[in-house]
Amino acid sequence: GYVARMRKGQYSATFDSEGNYYSWGGFKLRKISKVQNLKAYASRRGILDSRKNAIAKLKVGADMAAINANLEGPGAKTYLVGLRGQTANIVRVSGGPVKQWSLRAKGLNKACNHWGSAWSFKTGVYFSCNKGKGVYQLDLGSVNLKTKQAKFYKAGDSAKTNSNDGMNC
């Protein structure tokens, strides 16, 4: 069934552990809260209109993954992580107002500008380079929001593609 109407051009998206859906399409981060609680409809009539659900104007990346982590001090919060070239964009979406940090991403293949697939698995966050230069894992312990740096490690190989979708499928 149908649960919500989305804005056109949203190509980067993920769910967090609470069932919140986040999407980004170049300028604005959008959120649909607790999708699992929305009523499903047989047609598009009557569905939630989520085209005006922006929560922040910022840049994330071609895809993003949600994590629960303790990056700012006591207590875990929900963050979205995306890559743009050699920059890791981390966005806090719980435990305070939305806030973004852009970190220097060390260890990534410098030939990769587009990271079209991002996903989380257990406690890891992974990104695939569209040029087929590998899958990279974020070392969560290396994330330093004060010095604006994070380390990545090559976790495996990847195929070259110009069309992919991480979506934590």
Protein backbone atom coordinates (compact mmCIF):
# COMPACT_ATOMS: atom_id res chain seq x y z
CA GLY A 1 0.00 0.00 0.00
CA TYR A 2 0.83 3.69 -0.08
CA VAL A 3 1.83 5.54 3.09
CA ALA A 4 3.38 8.88 2.06
CA ARG A 5 3.98 11.13 -0.91
CA MET A 6 7.63 12.07 -1.45
CA ARG A 7 9.21 15.08 -3.06
CA LYS A 8 10.76 14.47 -6.49
CA GLY A 9 14.53 14.19 -6.76
CA GLN A 10 15.20 12.47 -3.44
CA TYR A 11 17.99 10.03 -4.34
CA SER A 12 19.77 9.53 -1.04
CA ALA A 13 17.77 7.81 1.68
CA THR A 14 17.87 5.56 4.73
CA PHE A 15 15.88 4.35 7.72
CA ASP A 16 17.13 4.64 11.29
CA SER A 17 16.58 2.01 14.02
CA GLU A 18 13.37 3.80 15.15
CA GLY A 19 11.72 3.54 11.73
CA ASN A 20 12.28 7.18 10.77
CA TYR A 21 12.88 7.65 7.04
CA TYR A 22 15.41 10.29 5.93
CA SER A 23 15.87 11.45 2.35
CA TRP A 24 18.06 14.03 0.64
CA GLY A 25 18.09 15.28 -2.91
CA GLY A 26 20.76 17.94 -3.19
CA PHE A 27 19.71 20.66 -0.78
CA LYS A 28 17.30 19.69 1.98
CA LEU A 29 17.25 16.79 4.40
CA ARG A 30 13.73 15.42 4.85
CA LYS A 31 12.20 13.15 7.47
CA ILE A 32 9.09 11.01 7.74
CA SER A 33 8.72 9.91 11.36
CA LYS A 34 8.02 6.32 12.33
CA VAL A 35 6.94 5.05 8.94
CA GLN A 36 5.89 1.72 10.43
CA ASN A 37 3.03 3.51 12.25
CA LEU A 38 1.58 5.19 9.15
CA LYS A 39 -1.69 3.94 7.76
CA ALA A 40 -1.38 2.19 4.40
CA TYR A 41 -3.83 3.07 1.63
CA ALA A 42 -4.77 1.06 -1.45
CA SER A 43 -4.36 4.15 -3.65
CA ARG A 44 -2.52 7.47 -3.43
CA ARG A 45 -5.66 9.27 -2.30
CA GLY A 46 -5.55 10.23 1.36
CA ILE A 47 -1.86 9.51 1.91
CA LEU A 48 0.41 11.72 4.00
CA ASP A 49 1.82 14.57 1.90
CA SER A 50 5.49 14.60 2.86
CA ARG A 51 6.72 17.03 0.23
CA LYS A 52 7.18 19.84 2.79
CA ASN A 53 8.92 17.85 5.52
CA ALA A 54 12.41 19.43 5.35
CA ILE A 55 14.30 19.42 8.65
CA ALA A 56 17.56 21.05 7.50
CA LYS A 57 19.34 22.57 4.54
CA LEU A 58 22.70 20.82 4.15
CA LYS A 59 24.77 18.49 1.99
CA VAL A 60 25.09 14.76 2.67
CA GLY A 61 26.11 12.62 -0.32
CA ALA A 62 24.80 10.39 -3.10
CA ASP A 63 23.65 7.92 -0.45
CA MET A 64 23.69 7.82 3.34
CA ALA A 65 23.46 5.38 6.22
CA ALA A 66 22.03 5.83 9.72
CA ILE A 67 23.97 4.84 12.83
CA ASN A 68 23.51 5.03 16.58
CA ALA A 69 26.80 6.10 18.10
CA ASN A 70 28.41 8.09 20.88
CA LEU A 71 30.30 10.72 18.87
CA GLU A 72 29.75 13.81 21.03
CA GLY A 73 30.15 12.58 24.57
CA PRO A 74 27.83 10.78 26.95
CA GLY A 75 24.96 8.98 25.32
CA ALA A 76 24.36 7.54 21.88
CA LYS A 77 22.53 9.60 19.29
CA THR A 78 21.34 8.91 15.76
CA TYR A 79 23.57 10.20 12.96
CA LEU A 80 23.38 10.06 9.19
CA VAL A 81 26.68 9.54 7.35
CA GLY A 82 27.35 10.29 3.69
CA LEU A 83 30.44 10.80 1.53
CA ARG A 84 31.10 13.54 -1.03
CA GLY A 85 34.51 13.04 -2.60
CA GLN A 86 37.02 12.92 0.26
CA THR A 87 34.62 14.47 2.78
CA ALA A 88 32.54 12.54 5.30
CA ASN A 89 29.36 14.39 6.20
CA ILE A 90 27.94 13.45 9.58
CA VAL A 91 24.53 14.77 10.56
CA ARG A 92 23.06 14.46 14.05
CA VAL A 93 19.31 13.85 13.79
CA SER A 94 18.46 12.96 17.42
CA GLY A 95 19.38 14.18 20.89
CA GLY A 96 19.36 17.89 19.99
CA PRO A 97 18.87 20.12 16.97
CA VAL A 98 20.01 18.83 13.58
CA LYS A 99 23.70 19.55 13.22
CA GLN A 100 26.24 18.73 10.50
CA TRP A 101 29.98 18.18 10.58
CA SER A 102 32.13 17.85 7.45
CA LEU A 103 35.18 15.72 8.19
CA ARG A 104 38.35 15.02 6.26
CA ALA A 105 38.01 11.36 5.25
CA LYS A 106 41.40 9.64 5.42
CA GLY A 107 42.08 6.32 3.70
CA LEU A 108 39.60 6.62 0.82
CA ASN A 109 40.66 6.02 -2.77
CA LYS A 110 41.29 9.51 -4.16
CA ALA A 111 39.89 8.51 -7.57
CA CYS A 112 36.44 8.17 -6.03
CA ASN A 113 34.21 11.22 -6.16
CA HIS A 114 30.82 9.50 -6.09
CA TRP A 115 29.83 7.12 -3.34
CA GLY A 116 26.43 5.99 -4.62
CA SER A 117 25.84 3.21 -2.13
CA ALA A 118 25.97 3.48 1.66
CA TRP A 119 24.73 0.99 4.22
CA SER A 120 25.10 -0.09 7.80
CA PHE A 121 25.49 -3.66 8.95
CA LYS A 122 25.61 -4.49 12.65
CA THR A 123 27.94 -1.76 13.96
CA GLY A 124 29.70 -1.01 10.66
CA VAL A 125 29.08 1.70 8.07
CA TYR A 126 30.12 0.99 4.47
CA PHE A 127 30.38 2.96 1.22
CA SER A 128 30.87 1.73 -2.32
CA CYS A 129 32.75 3.77 -4.91
CA ASN A 130 30.90 4.13 -8.22
CA LYS A 131 34.17 3.80 -10.15
CA GLY A 132 34.67 0.23 -8.90
CA LYS A 133 37.55 1.18 -6.62
CA GLY A 134 36.24 -0.71 -3.60
CA VAL A 135 34.00 -0.81 -0.57
CA TYR A 136 35.23 1.25 2.38
CA GLN A 137 34.30 0.97 6.04
CA LEU A 138 34.21 3.94 8.41
CA ASP A 139 36.29 3.37 11.55
CA LEU A 140 33.75 4.76 14.04
CA GLY A 141 36.41 4.96 16.75
CA SER A 142 38.42 7.37 14.61
CA VAL A 143 35.60 9.92 14.15
CA ASN A 144 36.71 13.17 15.77
CA LEU A 145 34.17 15.96 15.44
CA LYS A 146 36.55 18.49 17.03
CA THR A 147 39.49 17.93 14.65
CA LYS A 148 37.07 17.13 11.81
CA GLN A 149 38.76 13.89 10.78
CA ALA A 150 37.73 10.25 10.27
CA LYS A 151 39.51 7.13 8.97
CA PHE A 152 38.24 4.63 6.45
CA TYR A 153 39.56 1.17 5.58
CA LYS A 154 39.10 -0.79 2.39
CA ALA A 155 36.74 -3.62 3.24
CA GLY A 156 36.46 -5.26 -0.19
CA ASP A 157 36.16 -4.91 -3.92
CA SER A 158 33.28 -3.33 -5.84
CA ALA A 159 32.02 -3.26 -9.41
CA LYS A 160 31.98 -0.11 -11.52
CA THR A 161 28.48 1.33 -11.89
CA ASN A 162 26.67 4.53 -12.73
CA SER A 163 23.41 3.49 -11.10
CA ASN A 164 23.15 1.99 -7.64
CA ASP A 165 21.20 2.21 -4.44
CA GLY A 166 22.42 1.30 -0.97
CA MET A 167 19.07 1.89 0.81
CA ASN A 168 20.03 -0.73 3.41
CA CYS A 169 18.06 -3.21 1.29
